[in-house]
Amino acid sequence: MSPRRGTLAFLYALPFVLLFAALLVGRYGGGPGDVLRALFSADGDGILRSVVLRVRLPRAIAALLVGANLAVAGAVLQGLFRNPLVDSRIHGVRSGAAFGAALAILVSGGALAVQTSAFAFALLAVVLVLCVGWRLGAAPLVLILIGIAVSALFDSSLGLVKYVADPLSKLPSITYWLLGGLGGASWSNLVPLLVLSPLGLGFLFLIRWRLNVLTLGDDEATSLGVRVRPLRAGAIAAAALLVAASVAQAGTIGWIGLVIPHVARSWAGPDHTRLVPASAALGGAVLVALDTTARTALASEIPLGILTGLLGVPAFLFLLGGYVRQKEGIR
């Protein structure tokens, strides 16, 4: 087994190891044997079984899927736009979802309404980007500029919602949701994420070799027989679906879609046939670890978006320094 294959095998196993570790950690403790009995047997500690199956397991699965979704979406968008600084914010999905969730909290506040509204406005944002971009040629730079404009539109709309929200009841709820977290994850509200994540990830996994062709440029991809505009639109739509489902479940969680693909690329290389699954595994593993830290490090839960920012910013600066040193060395 080559070093690269050994590294990838470890990477693919890591999220499942950390998921099982997440089931062990908490205020109501239990050993590996106790957790296995809670998962696969009706015997043992009934309280631990209830905690593992109803609280920790759905939350760990949600963290695994959200991390994988955001990382894969970031890796795909960076390749499509041939820009290492692109992530899920570029097509307005996060801003649209944030506005939709804030609007639902302002009107009703129910968990199902918040998820539904966040998902709907996230999809609306990407539809706007794709529709306007299609009329203007769907070139990467055009789509980036349109995404920036759509994001600004929804950010301004979010500011208006926060301005009119009741500062004693609604505004704190909006602010807490925007910080991101998986404290509300349960089997009842996990269904959309469980359904949409395999669809988006599966589609991008199936076309991952075509994504390599798109990174060559439009003229080269067309000469190789690839229909550039439909394929690019489909890949962007699938990435947007993943981000929308994740943001609707967990709120706005930054840096995963920007930093994780770079780390995965350093291990798996730029080939999307390896980069897509590597990004999914690493993104899921990182978010499971961070979510476990968020719920256990302090007496009260730390918003997940804060932890991803504290980890993502130094990691991004470290990666940026590496790229700068590499370019200077080449020159």
C-alpha atoms as a PDB file:
ATOM      1  CA  MET A   1       0.000   0.000   0.000  1.00  0.00           C
ATOM      2  CA  SER A   2       1.487   3.323  -1.082  1.00  0.00           C
ATOM      3  CA  PRO A   3       1.802   6.199   1.400  1.00  0.00           C
ATOM      4  CA  ARG A   4      -0.937   8.112  -0.407  1.00  0.00           C
ATOM      5  CA  ARG A   5      -3.299   5.134  -0.294  1.00  0.00           C
ATOM      6  CA  GLY A   6      -2.466   4.625   3.356  1.00  0.00           C
ATOM      7  CA  THR A   7      -3.197   8.288   4.067  1.00  0.00           C
ATOM      8  CA  LEU A   8      -6.509   8.122   2.219  1.00  0.00           C
ATOM      9  CA  ALA A   9      -7.519   4.917   3.994  1.00  0.00           C
ATOM     10  CA  PHE A  10      -6.866   6.605   7.337  1.00  0.00           C
ATOM     11  CA  LEU A  11      -8.773   9.686   6.180  1.00  0.00           C
ATOM     12  CA  TYR A  12     -11.826   7.666   5.125  1.00  0.00           C
ATOM     13  CA  ALA A  13     -11.904   5.809   8.451  1.00  0.00           C
ATOM     14  CA  LEU A  14     -11.383   8.915  10.593  1.00  0.00           C
ATOM     15  CA  PRO A  15     -14.973  10.303  10.552  1.00  0.00           C
ATOM     16  CA  PHE A  16     -16.443   6.999  11.717  1.00  0.00           C
ATOM     17  CA  VAL A  17     -13.877   6.701  14.510  1.00  0.00           C
ATOM     18  CA  LEU A  18     -14.671  10.223  15.675  1.00  0.00           C
ATOM     19  CA  LEU A  19     -18.408   9.591  15.367  1.00  0.00           C
ATOM     20  CA  PHE A  20     -18.122   6.630  17.724  1.00  0.00           C
ATOM     21  CA  ALA A  21     -15.933   8.705  20.056  1.00  0.00           C
ATOM     22  CA  ALA A  22     -18.654  11.387  20.085  1.00  0.00           C
ATOM     23  CA  LEU A  23     -21.105   8.786  21.397  1.00  0.00           C
ATOM     24  CA  LEU A  24     -18.775   8.117  24.337  1.00  0.00           C
ATOM     25  CA  VAL A  25     -18.311  11.719  25.426  1.00  0.00           C
ATOM     26  CA  GLY A  26     -20.796  13.601  27.553  1.00  0.00           C
ATOM     27  CA  ARG A  27     -21.939  14.358  31.056  1.00  0.00           C
ATOM     28  CA  TYR A  28     -23.521  10.916  31.324  1.00  0.00           C
ATOM     29  CA  GLY A  29     -20.518   8.732  30.630  1.00  0.00           C
ATOM     30  CA  GLY A  30     -20.101   5.174  29.437  1.00  0.00           C
ATOM     31  CA  GLY A  31     -17.370   2.957  28.072  1.00  0.00           C
ATOM     32  CA  PRO A  32     -17.113   1.594  24.530  1.00  0.00           C
ATOM     33  CA  GLY A  33     -18.817  -1.638  25.548  1.00  0.00           C
ATOM     34  CA  ASP A  34     -21.693   0.248  27.151  1.00  0.00           C
ATOM     35  CA  VAL A  35     -22.197   2.358  24.031  1.00  0.00           C
ATOM     36  CA  LEU A  36     -22.109  -0.692  21.755  1.00  0.00           C
ATOM     37  CA  ARG A  37     -24.742  -2.387  23.916  1.00  0.00           C
ATOM     38  CA  ALA A  38     -26.813   0.804  23.778  1.00  0.00           C
ATOM     39  CA  LEU A  39     -26.594   0.780  19.996  1.00  0.00           C
ATOM     40  CA  PHE A  40     -27.204  -2.882  19.251  1.00  0.00           C
ATOM     41  CA  SER A  41     -28.877  -4.386  22.314  1.00  0.00           C
ATOM     42  CA  ALA A  42     -31.838  -3.640  24.545  1.00  0.00           C
ATOM     43  CA  ASP A  43     -29.820  -4.701  27.592  1.00  0.00           C
ATOM     44  CA  GLY A  44     -27.658  -2.428  29.727  1.00  0.00           C
ATOM     45  CA  ASP A  45     -28.149   1.060  31.093  1.00  0.00           C
ATOM     46  CA  GLY A  46     -31.507   2.365  29.882  1.00  0.00           C
ATOM     47  CA  ILE A  47     -30.601   5.987  30.538  1.00  0.00           C
ATOM     48  CA  LEU A  48     -27.365   5.708  28.571  1.00  0.00           C
ATOM     49  CA  ARG A  49     -29.226   3.979  25.759  1.00  0.00           C
ATOM     50  CA  SER A  50     -31.724   6.827  25.592  1.00  0.00           C
ATOM     51  CA  VAL A  51     -28.970   9.469  25.660  1.00  0.00           C
ATOM     52  CA  VAL A  52     -26.955   7.737  22.935  1.00  0.00           C
ATOM     53  CA  LEU A  53     -29.811   6.929  20.577  1.00  0.00           C
ATOM     54  CA  ARG A  54     -31.950  10.030  21.007  1.00  0.00           C
ATOM     55  CA  VAL A  55     -29.400  12.774  21.646  1.00  0.00           C
ATOM     56  CA  ARG A  56     -25.809  11.944  20.711  1.00  0.00           C
ATOM     57  CA  LEU A  57     -26.316   9.746  17.640  1.00  0.00           C
ATOM     58  CA  PRO A  58     -28.587  12.090  15.628  1.00  0.00           C
ATOM     59  CA  ARG A  59     -26.376  15.021  16.543  1.00  0.00           C
ATOM     60  CA  ALA A  60     -23.180  13.208  15.516  1.00  0.00           C
ATOM     61  CA  ILE A  61     -24.745  12.104  12.229  1.00  0.00           C
ATOM     62  CA  ALA A  62     -25.895  15.675  11.586  1.00  0.00           C
ATOM     63  CA  ALA A  63     -22.365  16.973  12.221  1.00  0.00           C
ATOM     64  CA  LEU A  64     -20.906  14.324   9.914  1.00  0.00           C
ATOM     65  CA  LEU A  65     -23.273  15.181   7.055  1.00  0.00           C
ATOM     66  CA  VAL A  66     -23.066  18.959   7.481  1.00  0.00           C
ATOM     67  CA  GLY A  67     -19.266  18.884   7.532  1.00  0.00           C
ATOM     68  CA  ALA A  68     -19.126  16.610   4.477  1.00  0.00           C
ATOM     69  CA  ASN A  69     -21.647  18.751   2.591  1.00  0.00           C
ATOM     70  CA  LEU A  70     -19.880  22.042   3.230  1.00  0.00           C
ATOM     71  CA  ALA A  71     -16.431  20.651   2.435  1.00  0.00           C
ATOM     72  CA  VAL A  72     -17.489  18.970  -0.812  1.00  0.00           C
ATOM     73  CA  ALA A  73     -19.417  22.059  -1.920  1.00  0.00           C
ATOM     74  CA  GLY A  74     -16.335  24.192  -1.264  1.00  0.00           C
ATOM     75  CA  ALA A  75     -14.028  21.814  -3.142  1.00  0.00           C
ATOM     76  CA  VAL A  76     -16.353  21.675  -6.154  1.00  0.00           C
ATOM     77  CA  LEU A  77     -16.877  25.441  -6.309  1.00  0.00           C
ATOM     78  CA  GLN A  78     -13.148  26.137  -6.008  1.00  0.00           C
ATOM     79  CA  GLY A  79     -12.554  23.850  -8.967  1.00  0.00           C
ATOM     80  CA  LEU A  80     -15.423  25.187 -11.066  1.00  0.00           C
ATOM     81  CA  PHE A  81     -14.447  28.822 -10.577  1.00  0.00           C
ATOM     82  CA  ARG A  82     -10.713  28.062 -10.603  1.00  0.00           C
ATOM     83  CA  ASN A  83     -10.389  30.230  -7.503  1.00  0.00           C
ATOM     84  CA  PRO A  84      -8.952  28.935  -4.196  1.00  0.00           C
ATOM     85  CA  LEU A  85     -10.836  31.603  -2.189  1.00  0.00           C
ATOM     86  CA  VAL A  86     -14.316  30.511  -3.284  1.00  0.00           C
ATOM     87  CA  ASP A  87     -16.689  28.803  -0.857  1.00  0.00           C
ATOM     88  CA  SER A  88     -20.432  28.482  -0.286  1.00  0.00           C
ATOM     89  CA  ARG A  89     -20.876  32.226   0.203  1.00  0.00           C
ATOM     90  CA  ILE A  90     -20.132  32.908  -3.441  1.00  0.00           C
ATOM     91  CA  HIS A  91     -23.554  31.893  -4.774  1.00  0.00           C
ATOM     92  CA  GLY A  92     -25.603  33.539  -2.034  1.00  0.00           C
ATOM     93  CA  VAL A  93     -26.877  30.337  -0.448  1.00  0.00           C
ATOM     94  CA  ARG A  94     -25.692  31.108   3.068  1.00  0.00           C
ATOM     95  CA  SER A  95     -27.038  34.647   2.953  1.00  0.00           C
ATOM     96  CA  GLY A  96     -30.355  33.476   1.555  1.00  0.00           C
ATOM     97  CA  ALA A  97     -30.681  30.786   4.211  1.00  0.00           C
ATOM     98  CA  ALA A  98     -29.800  33.240   6.978  1.00  0.00           C
ATOM     99  CA  PHE A  99     -32.476  35.658   5.791  1.00  0.00           C
ATOM    100  CA  GLY A 100     -35.048  32.876   5.484  1.00  0.00           C
ATOM    101  CA  ALA A 101     -34.372  31.583   8.982  1.00  0.00           C
ATOM    102  CA  ALA A 102     -34.442  35.072  10.506  1.00  0.00           C
ATOM    103  CA  LEU A 103     -37.729  35.816   8.755  1.00  0.00           C
ATOM    104  CA  ALA A 104     -39.271  32.583  10.072  1.00  0.00           C
ATOM    105  CA  ILE A 105     -38.080  33.328  13.619  1.00  0.00           C
ATOM    106  CA  LEU A 106     -39.557  36.810  13.342  1.00  0.00           C
ATOM    107  CA  VAL A 107     -42.946  35.493  12.153  1.00  0.00           C
ATOM    108  CA  SER A 108     -43.388  32.193  14.005  1.00  0.00           C
ATOM    109  CA  GLY A 109     -40.241  30.842  15.641  1.00  0.00           C
ATOM    110  CA  GLY A 110     -41.078  27.151  15.136  1.00  0.00           C
ATOM    111  CA  ALA A 111     -38.165  24.826  14.357  1.00  0.00           C
ATOM    112  CA  LEU A 112     -39.818  23.306  11.289  1.00  0.00           C
ATOM    113  CA  ALA A 113     -40.731  26.745   9.935  1.00  0.00           C
ATOM    114  CA  VAL A 114     -37.161  27.970  10.441  1.00  0.00           C
ATOM    115  CA  GLN A 115     -35.693  24.977   8.581  1.00  0.00           C
ATOM    116  CA  THR A 116     -38.199  25.202   5.747  1.00  0.00           C
ATOM    117  CA  SER A 117     -37.795  28.937   5.277  1.00  0.00           C
ATOM    118  CA  ALA A 118     -33.989  28.768   5.413  1.00  0.00           C
ATOM    119  CA  PHE A 119     -33.948  26.012   2.810  1.00  0.00           C
ATOM    120  CA  ALA A 120     -36.431  27.780   0.527  1.00  0.00           C
ATOM    121  CA  PHE A 121     -34.601  31.109   0.505  1.00  0.00           C
ATOM    122  CA  ALA A 122     -31.236  29.367   0.059  1.00  0.00           C
ATOM    123  CA  LEU A 123     -32.545  27.712  -3.091  1.00  0.00           C
ATOM    124  CA  LEU A 124     -34.071  31.012  -4.196  1.00  0.00           C
ATOM    125  CA  ALA A 125     -30.644  32.626  -3.955  1.00  0.00           C
ATOM    126  CA  VAL A 126     -28.963  30.059  -6.175  1.00  0.00           C
ATOM    127  CA  VAL A 127     -31.857  30.133  -8.658  1.00  0.00           C
ATOM    128  CA  LEU A 128     -31.379  33.889  -8.973  1.00  0.00           C
ATOM    129  CA  VAL A 129     -27.648  33.455  -9.532  1.00  0.00           C
ATOM    130  CA  LEU A 130     -28.082  30.720 -12.138  1.00  0.00           C
ATOM    131  CA  CYS A 131     -30.937  32.415 -13.999  1.00  0.00           C
ATOM    132  CA  VAL A 132     -29.191  35.770 -14.289  1.00  0.00           C
ATOM    133  CA  GLY A 133     -25.858  34.098 -14.985  1.00  0.00           C
ATOM    134  CA  TRP A 134     -27.351  31.922 -17.727  1.00  0.00           C
ATOM    135  CA  ARG A 135     -28.644  35.004 -19.541  1.00  0.00           C
ATOM    136  CA  LEU A 136     -25.209  36.616 -19.296  1.00  0.00           C
ATOM    137  CA  GLY A 137     -23.246  33.597 -20.484  1.00  0.00           C
ATOM    138  CA  ALA A 138     -22.612  31.659 -17.243  1.00  0.00           C
ATOM    139  CA  ALA A 139     -18.885  32.457 -17.266  1.00  0.00           C
ATOM    140  CA  PRO A 140     -17.158  31.835 -13.901  1.00  0.00           C
ATOM    141  CA  LEU A 141     -16.372  35.500 -13.254  1.00  0.00           C
ATOM    142  CA  VAL A 142     -19.946  36.520 -14.128  1.00  0.00           C
ATOM    143  CA  LEU A 143     -21.388  33.959 -11.717  1.00  0.00           C
ATOM    144  CA  ILE A 144     -19.056  35.134  -8.952  1.00  0.00           C
ATOM    145  CA  LEU A 145     -20.107  38.763  -9.407  1.00  0.00           C
ATOM    146  CA  ILE A 146     -23.796  37.853  -9.502  1.00  0.00           C
ATOM    147  CA  GLY A 147     -23.359  35.731  -6.375  1.00  0.00           C
ATOM    148  CA  ILE A 148     -21.767  38.669  -4.575  1.00  0.00           C
ATOM    149  CA  ALA A 149     -24.700  40.879  -5.569  1.00  0.00           C
ATOM    150  CA  VAL A 150     -27.300  38.312  -4.449  1.00  0.00           C
ATOM    151  CA  SER A 151     -25.462  37.811  -1.151  1.00  0.00           C
ATOM    152  CA  ALA A 152     -25.459  41.564  -0.574  1.00  0.00           C
ATOM    153  CA  LEU A 153     -29.191  41.697  -1.288  1.00  0.00           C
ATOM    154  CA  PHE A 154     -30.012  39.021   1.278  1.00  0.00           C
ATOM    155  CA  ASP A 155     -27.530  40.429   3.803  1.00  0.00           C
ATOM    156  CA  SER A 156     -29.296  43.776   3.603  1.00  0.00           C
ATOM    157  CA  SER A 157     -32.668  42.051   3.964  1.00  0.00           C
ATOM    158  CA  LEU A 158     -31.339  40.197   7.007  1.00  0.00           C
ATOM    159  CA  GLY A 159     -30.247  43.505   8.519  1.00  0.00           C
ATOM    160  CA  LEU A 160     -33.768  44.842   8.048  1.00  0.00           C
ATOM    161  CA  VAL A 161     -35.283  41.798   9.782  1.00  0.00           C
ATOM    162  CA  LYS A 162     -32.888  42.202  12.719  1.00  0.00           C
ATOM    163  CA  TYR A 163     -33.711  45.909  12.884  1.00  0.00           C
ATOM    164  CA  VAL A 164     -37.466  45.338  13.250  1.00  0.00           C
ATOM    165  CA  ALA A 165     -37.159  42.248  15.508  1.00  0.00           C
ATOM    166  CA  ASP A 166     -38.105  42.498  19.169  1.00  0.00           C
ATOM    167  CA  PRO A 167     -34.767  42.987  21.004  1.00  0.00           C
ATOM    168  CA  LEU A 168     -36.015  41.055  24.056  1.00  0.00           C
ATOM    169  CA  SER A 169     -37.392  37.916  22.400  1.00  0.00           C
ATOM    170  CA  LYS A 170     -36.846  37.583  18.642  1.00  0.00           C
ATOM    171  CA  LEU A 171     -33.460  39.253  18.150  1.00  0.00           C
ATOM    172  CA  PRO A 172     -31.550  36.957  20.574  1.00  0.00           C
ATOM    173  CA  SER A 173     -33.030  33.900  18.836  1.00  0.00           C
ATOM    174  CA  ILE A 174     -31.973  35.224  15.434  1.00  0.00           C
ATOM    175  CA  THR A 175     -28.479  36.027  16.675  1.00  0.00           C
ATOM    176  CA  TYR A 176     -28.048  32.604  18.285  1.00  0.00           C
ATOM    177  CA  TRP A 177     -29.189  30.829  15.109  1.00  0.00           C
ATOM    178  CA  LEU A 178     -26.750  32.848  13.023  1.00  0.00           C
ATOM    179  CA  LEU A 179     -23.890  31.683  15.252  1.00  0.00           C
ATOM    180  CA  GLY A 180     -24.566  28.095  14.164  1.00  0.00           C
ATOM    181  CA  GLY A 181     -24.956  24.920  16.158  1.00  0.00           C
ATOM    182  CA  LEU A 182     -26.464  21.445  16.288  1.00  0.00           C
ATOM    183  CA  GLY A 183     -28.078  21.606  19.708  1.00  0.00           C
ATOM    184  CA  GLY A 184     -31.526  21.139  18.192  1.00  0.00           C
ATOM    185  CA  ALA A 185     -30.637  18.093  16.074  1.00  0.00           C
ATOM    186  CA  SER A 186     -33.064  15.201  16.523  1.00  0.00           C
ATOM    187  CA  TRP A 187     -34.416  12.355  14.418  1.00  0.00           C
ATOM    188  CA  SER A 188     -37.606  14.331  13.758  1.00  0.00           C
ATOM    189  CA  ASN A 189     -35.890  17.301  12.113  1.00  0.00           C
ATOM    190  CA  LEU A 190     -32.994  15.360  10.558  1.00  0.00           C
ATOM    191  CA  VAL A 191     -35.016  13.882   7.689  1.00  0.00           C
ATOM    192  CA  PRO A 192     -34.349  16.649   5.106  1.00  0.00           C
ATOM    193  CA  LEU A 193     -30.607  16.444   5.725  1.00  0.00           C
ATOM    194  CA  LEU A 194     -30.647  12.632   5.537  1.00  0.00           C
ATOM    195  CA  VAL A 195     -32.510  12.747   2.217  1.00  0.00           C
ATOM    196  CA  LEU A 196     -30.816  15.668   0.460  1.00  0.00           C
ATOM    197  CA  SER A 197     -27.207  14.949   1.449  1.00  0.00           C
ATOM    198  CA  PRO A 198     -26.977  11.577  -0.383  1.00  0.00           C
ATOM    199  CA  LEU A 199     -28.612  13.149  -3.448  1.00  0.00           C
ATOM    200  CA  GLY A 200     -26.165  16.050  -3.684  1.00  0.00           C
ATOM    201  CA  LEU A 201     -23.084  14.095  -2.661  1.00  0.00           C
ATOM    202  CA  GLY A 202     -24.006  11.191  -4.913  1.00  0.00           C
ATOM    203  CA  PHE A 203     -24.450  13.434  -7.969  1.00  0.00           C
ATOM    204  CA  LEU A 204     -21.126  15.210  -7.414  1.00  0.00           C
ATOM    205  CA  PHE A 205     -19.411  11.864  -6.798  1.00  0.00           C
ATOM    206  CA  LEU A 206     -20.738  10.506 -10.098  1.00  0.00           C
ATOM    207  CA  ILE A 207     -19.567  13.515 -12.133  1.00  0.00           C
ATOM    208  CA  ARG A 208     -16.310  14.048 -10.269  1.00  0.00           C
ATOM    209  CA  TRP A 209     -14.154  13.080 -13.270  1.00  0.00           C
ATOM    210  CA  ARG A 210     -16.022  15.612 -15.429  1.00  0.00           C
ATOM    211  CA  LEU A 211     -15.205  18.295 -12.877  1.00  0.00           C
ATOM    212  CA  ASN A 212     -11.543  17.768 -13.755  1.00  0.00           C
ATOM    213  CA  VAL A 213     -12.362  18.711 -17.348  1.00  0.00           C
ATOM    214  CA  LEU A 214     -14.144  21.904 -16.296  1.00  0.00           C
ATOM    215  CA  THR A 215     -11.051  23.083 -14.436  1.00  0.00           C
ATOM    216  CA  LEU A 216      -9.174  23.157 -17.755  1.00  0.00           C
ATOM    217  CA  GLY A 217     -11.277  26.050 -19.061  1.00  0.00           C
ATOM    218  CA  ASP A 218     -14.391  26.352 -21.208  1.00  0.00           C
ATOM    219  CA  ASP A 219     -12.703  26.043 -24.598  1.00  0.00           C
ATOM    220  CA  GLU A 220     -10.682  22.985 -23.627  1.00  0.00           C
ATOM    221  CA  ALA A 221     -13.685  21.305 -21.987  1.00  0.00           C
ATOM    222  CA  THR A 222     -15.849  21.953 -25.065  1.00  0.00           C
ATOM    223  CA  SER A 223     -13.182  20.508 -27.351  1.00  0.00           C
ATOM    224  CA  LEU A 224     -13.281  17.329 -25.242  1.00  0.00           C
ATOM    225  CA  GLY A 225     -17.012  16.964 -25.816  1.00  0.00           C
ATOM    226  CA  VAL A 226     -18.278  18.325 -22.482  1.00  0.00           C
ATOM    227  CA  ARG A 227     -21.362  20.554 -22.454  1.00  0.00           C
ATOM    228  CA  VAL A 228     -19.915  23.209 -20.209  1.00  0.00           C
ATOM    229  CA  ARG A 229     -22.884  25.381 -19.254  1.00  0.00           C
ATOM    230  CA  PRO A 230     -25.349  22.600 -18.283  1.00  0.00           C
ATOM    231  CA  LEU A 231     -22.656  20.700 -16.387  1.00  0.00           C
ATOM    232  CA  ARG A 232     -21.484  23.792 -14.536  1.00  0.00           C
ATOM    233  CA  ALA A 233     -25.067  24.741 -13.660  1.00  0.00           C
ATOM    234  CA  GLY A 234     -25.801  21.205 -12.442  1.00  0.00           C
ATOM    235  CA  ALA A 235     -22.672  21.093 -10.285  1.00  0.00           C
ATOM    236  CA  ILE A 236     -23.412  24.522  -8.795  1.00  0.00           C
ATOM    237  CA  ALA A 237     -27.010  23.488  -8.118  1.00  0.00           C
ATOM    238  CA  ALA A 238     -25.885  20.286  -6.381  1.00  0.00           C
ATOM    239  CA  ALA A 239     -23.361  22.206  -4.264  1.00  0.00           C
ATOM    240  CA  ALA A 240     -26.052  24.741  -3.408  1.00  0.00           C
ATOM    241  CA  LEU A 241     -28.434  21.940  -2.403  1.00  0.00           C
ATOM    242  CA  LEU A 242     -25.823  20.568  -0.001  1.00  0.00           C
ATOM    243  CA  VAL A 243     -25.149  23.981   1.519  1.00  0.00           C
ATOM    244  CA  ALA A 244     -28.860  24.801   1.782  1.00  0.00           C
ATOM    245  CA  ALA A 245     -29.652  21.545   3.594  1.00  0.00           C
ATOM    246  CA  SER A 246     -26.703  22.064   5.935  1.00  0.00           C
ATOM    247  CA  VAL A 247     -27.420  25.694   6.763  1.00  0.00           C
ATOM    248  CA  ALA A 248     -31.106  24.922   7.327  1.00  0.00           C
ATOM    249  CA  GLN A 249     -30.065  22.278   9.865  1.00  0.00           C
ATOM    250  CA  ALA A 250     -27.094  23.897  11.590  1.00  0.00           C
ATOM    251  CA  GLY A 251     -27.202  27.639  10.934  1.00  0.00           C
ATOM    252  CA  THR A 252     -24.347  29.571   9.386  1.00  0.00           C
ATOM    253  CA  ILE A 253     -21.091  27.679   9.908  1.00  0.00           C
ATOM    254  CA  GLY A 254     -18.118  29.265   8.206  1.00  0.00           C
ATOM    255  CA  TRP A 255     -14.634  28.255   7.081  1.00  0.00           C
ATOM    256  CA  ILE A 256     -15.334  24.532   6.604  1.00  0.00           C
ATOM    257  CA  GLY A 257     -16.039  24.996   2.904  1.00  0.00           C
ATOM    258  CA  LEU A 258     -12.995  27.221   2.444  1.00  0.00           C
ATOM    259  CA  VAL A 259     -10.242  25.558   4.489  1.00  0.00           C
ATOM    260  CA  ILE A 260     -11.059  21.836   4.420  1.00  0.00           C
ATOM    261  CA  PRO A 261     -10.771  21.439   0.610  1.00  0.00           C
ATOM    262  CA  HIS A 262      -7.245  22.886   0.732  1.00  0.00           C
ATOM    263  CA  VAL A 263      -6.186  20.428   3.420  1.00  0.00           C
ATOM    264  CA  ALA A 264      -7.802  17.540   1.545  1.00  0.00           C
ATOM    265  CA  ARG A 265      -6.121  18.672  -1.669  1.00  0.00           C
ATOM    266  CA  SER A 266      -2.715  18.573   0.020  1.00  0.00           C
ATOM    267  CA  TRP A 267      -3.327  14.905   0.899  1.00  0.00           C
ATOM    268  CA  ALA A 268      -5.376  13.630  -2.038  1.00  0.00           C
ATOM    269  CA  GLY A 269      -4.148  15.904  -4.831  1.00  0.00           C
ATOM    270  CA  PRO A 270      -6.192  18.101  -7.201  1.00  0.00           C
ATOM    271  CA  ASP A 271      -7.875  15.179  -9.000  1.00  0.00           C
ATOM    272  CA  HIS A 272     -11.587  15.434  -8.134  1.00  0.00           C
ATOM    273  CA  THR A 273     -11.988  11.659  -8.272  1.00  0.00           C
ATOM    274  CA  ARG A 274     -10.025  11.602  -5.006  1.00  0.00           C
ATOM    275  CA  LEU A 275     -10.596  15.144  -3.802  1.00  0.00           C
ATOM    276  CA  VAL A 276     -14.393  14.884  -3.519  1.00  0.00           C
ATOM    277  CA  PRO A 277     -14.444  11.820  -1.208  1.00  0.00           C
ATOM    278  CA  ALA A 278     -11.405  13.090   0.710  1.00  0.00           C
ATOM    279  CA  SER A 279     -13.087  16.443   1.341  1.00  0.00           C
ATOM    280  CA  ALA A 280     -16.261  14.695   2.480  1.00  0.00           C
ATOM    281  CA  ALA A 281     -14.368  12.498   4.937  1.00  0.00           C
ATOM    282  CA  LEU A 282     -12.207  15.290   6.342  1.00  0.00           C
ATOM    283  CA  GLY A 283     -15.062  17.797   6.570  1.00  0.00           C
ATOM    284  CA  GLY A 284     -17.262  15.318   8.385  1.00  0.00           C
ATOM    285  CA  ALA A 285     -14.472  14.322  10.771  1.00  0.00           C
ATOM    286  CA  VAL A 286     -13.564  17.916  11.626  1.00  0.00           C
ATOM    287  CA  LEU A 287     -17.138  18.993  12.314  1.00  0.00           C
ATOM    288  CA  VAL A 288     -17.876  15.917  14.448  1.00  0.00           C
ATOM    289  CA  ALA A 289     -14.791  16.714  16.532  1.00  0.00           C
ATOM    290  CA  LEU A 290     -15.719  20.394  16.824  1.00  0.00           C
ATOM    291  CA  ASP A 291     -19.329  19.661  17.714  1.00  0.00           C
ATOM    292  CA  THR A 292     -18.223  17.230  20.420  1.00  0.00           C
ATOM    293  CA  THR A 293     -15.964  19.952  21.792  1.00  0.00           C
ATOM    294  CA  ALA A 294     -18.763  22.527  21.566  1.00  0.00           C
ATOM    295  CA  ARG A 295     -21.141  20.507  23.752  1.00  0.00           C
ATOM    296  CA  THR A 296     -18.603  19.240  26.306  1.00  0.00           C
ATOM    297  CA  ALA A 297     -15.853  21.850  26.742  1.00  0.00           C
ATOM    298  CA  LEU A 298     -17.838  24.213  28.977  1.00  0.00           C
ATOM    299  CA  ALA A 299     -20.875  24.038  31.210  1.00  0.00           C
ATOM    300  CA  SER A 300     -22.950  25.748  28.511  1.00  0.00           C
ATOM    301  CA  GLU A 301     -22.735  24.858  24.834  1.00  0.00           C
ATOM    302  CA  ILE A 302     -20.409  26.891  22.621  1.00  0.00           C
ATOM    303  CA  PRO A 303     -21.950  27.986  19.294  1.00  0.00           C
ATOM    304  CA  LEU A 304     -20.379  25.878  16.586  1.00  0.00           C
ATOM    305  CA  GLY A 305     -19.764  28.836  14.284  1.00  0.00           C
ATOM    306  CA  ILE A 306     -17.453  30.352  16.892  1.00  0.00           C
ATOM    307  CA  LEU A 307     -15.286  27.223  17.031  1.00  0.00           C
ATOM    308  CA  THR A 308     -15.050  26.906  13.260  1.00  0.00           C
ATOM    309  CA  GLY A 309     -13.939  30.531  13.083  1.00  0.00           C
ATOM    310  CA  LEU A 310     -11.338  30.116  15.825  1.00  0.00           C
ATOM    311  CA  LEU A 311      -9.916  27.084  14.023  1.00  0.00           C
ATOM    312  CA  GLY A 312     -10.483  28.220  10.442  1.00  0.00           C
ATOM    313  CA  VAL A 313      -8.793  31.610  10.521  1.00  0.00           C
ATOM    314  CA  PRO A 314      -5.353  30.390  11.721  1.00  0.00           C
ATOM    315  CA  ALA A 315      -5.598  27.348   9.438  1.00  0.00           C
ATOM    316  CA  PHE A 316      -6.361  29.599   6.467  1.00  0.00           C
ATOM    317  CA  LEU A 317      -3.454  31.924   7.300  1.00  0.00           C
ATOM    318  CA  PHE A 318      -1.144  28.920   7.612  1.00  0.00           C
ATOM    319  CA  LEU A 319      -2.254  27.582   4.224  1.00  0.00           C
ATOM    320  CA  LEU A 320      -1.953  31.038   2.675  1.00  0.00           C
ATOM    321  CA  GLY A 321       1.593  31.346   3.989  1.00  0.00           C
ATOM    322  CA  GLY A 322       2.436  27.990   2.445  1.00  0.00           C
ATOM    323  CA  TYR A 323       1.129  29.073  -0.953  1.00  0.00           C
ATOM    324  CA  VAL A 324       3.059  32.344  -0.782  1.00  0.00           C
ATOM    325  CA  ARG A 325       6.298  30.558   0.126  1.00  0.00           C
ATOM    326  CA  GLN A 326       5.723  28.055  -2.676  1.00  0.00           C
ATOM    327  CA  LYS A 327       5.225  30.804  -5.256  1.00  0.00           C
ATOM    328  CA  GLU A 328       8.335  32.649  -4.054  1.00  0.00           C
ATOM    329  CA  GLY A 329      10.308  29.424  -4.259  1.00  0.00           C
ATOM    330  CA  ILE A 330       9.127  28.837  -7.827  1.00  0.00           C
ATOM    331  CA  ARG A 331      10.144  32.339  -8.837  1.00  0.00           C
END
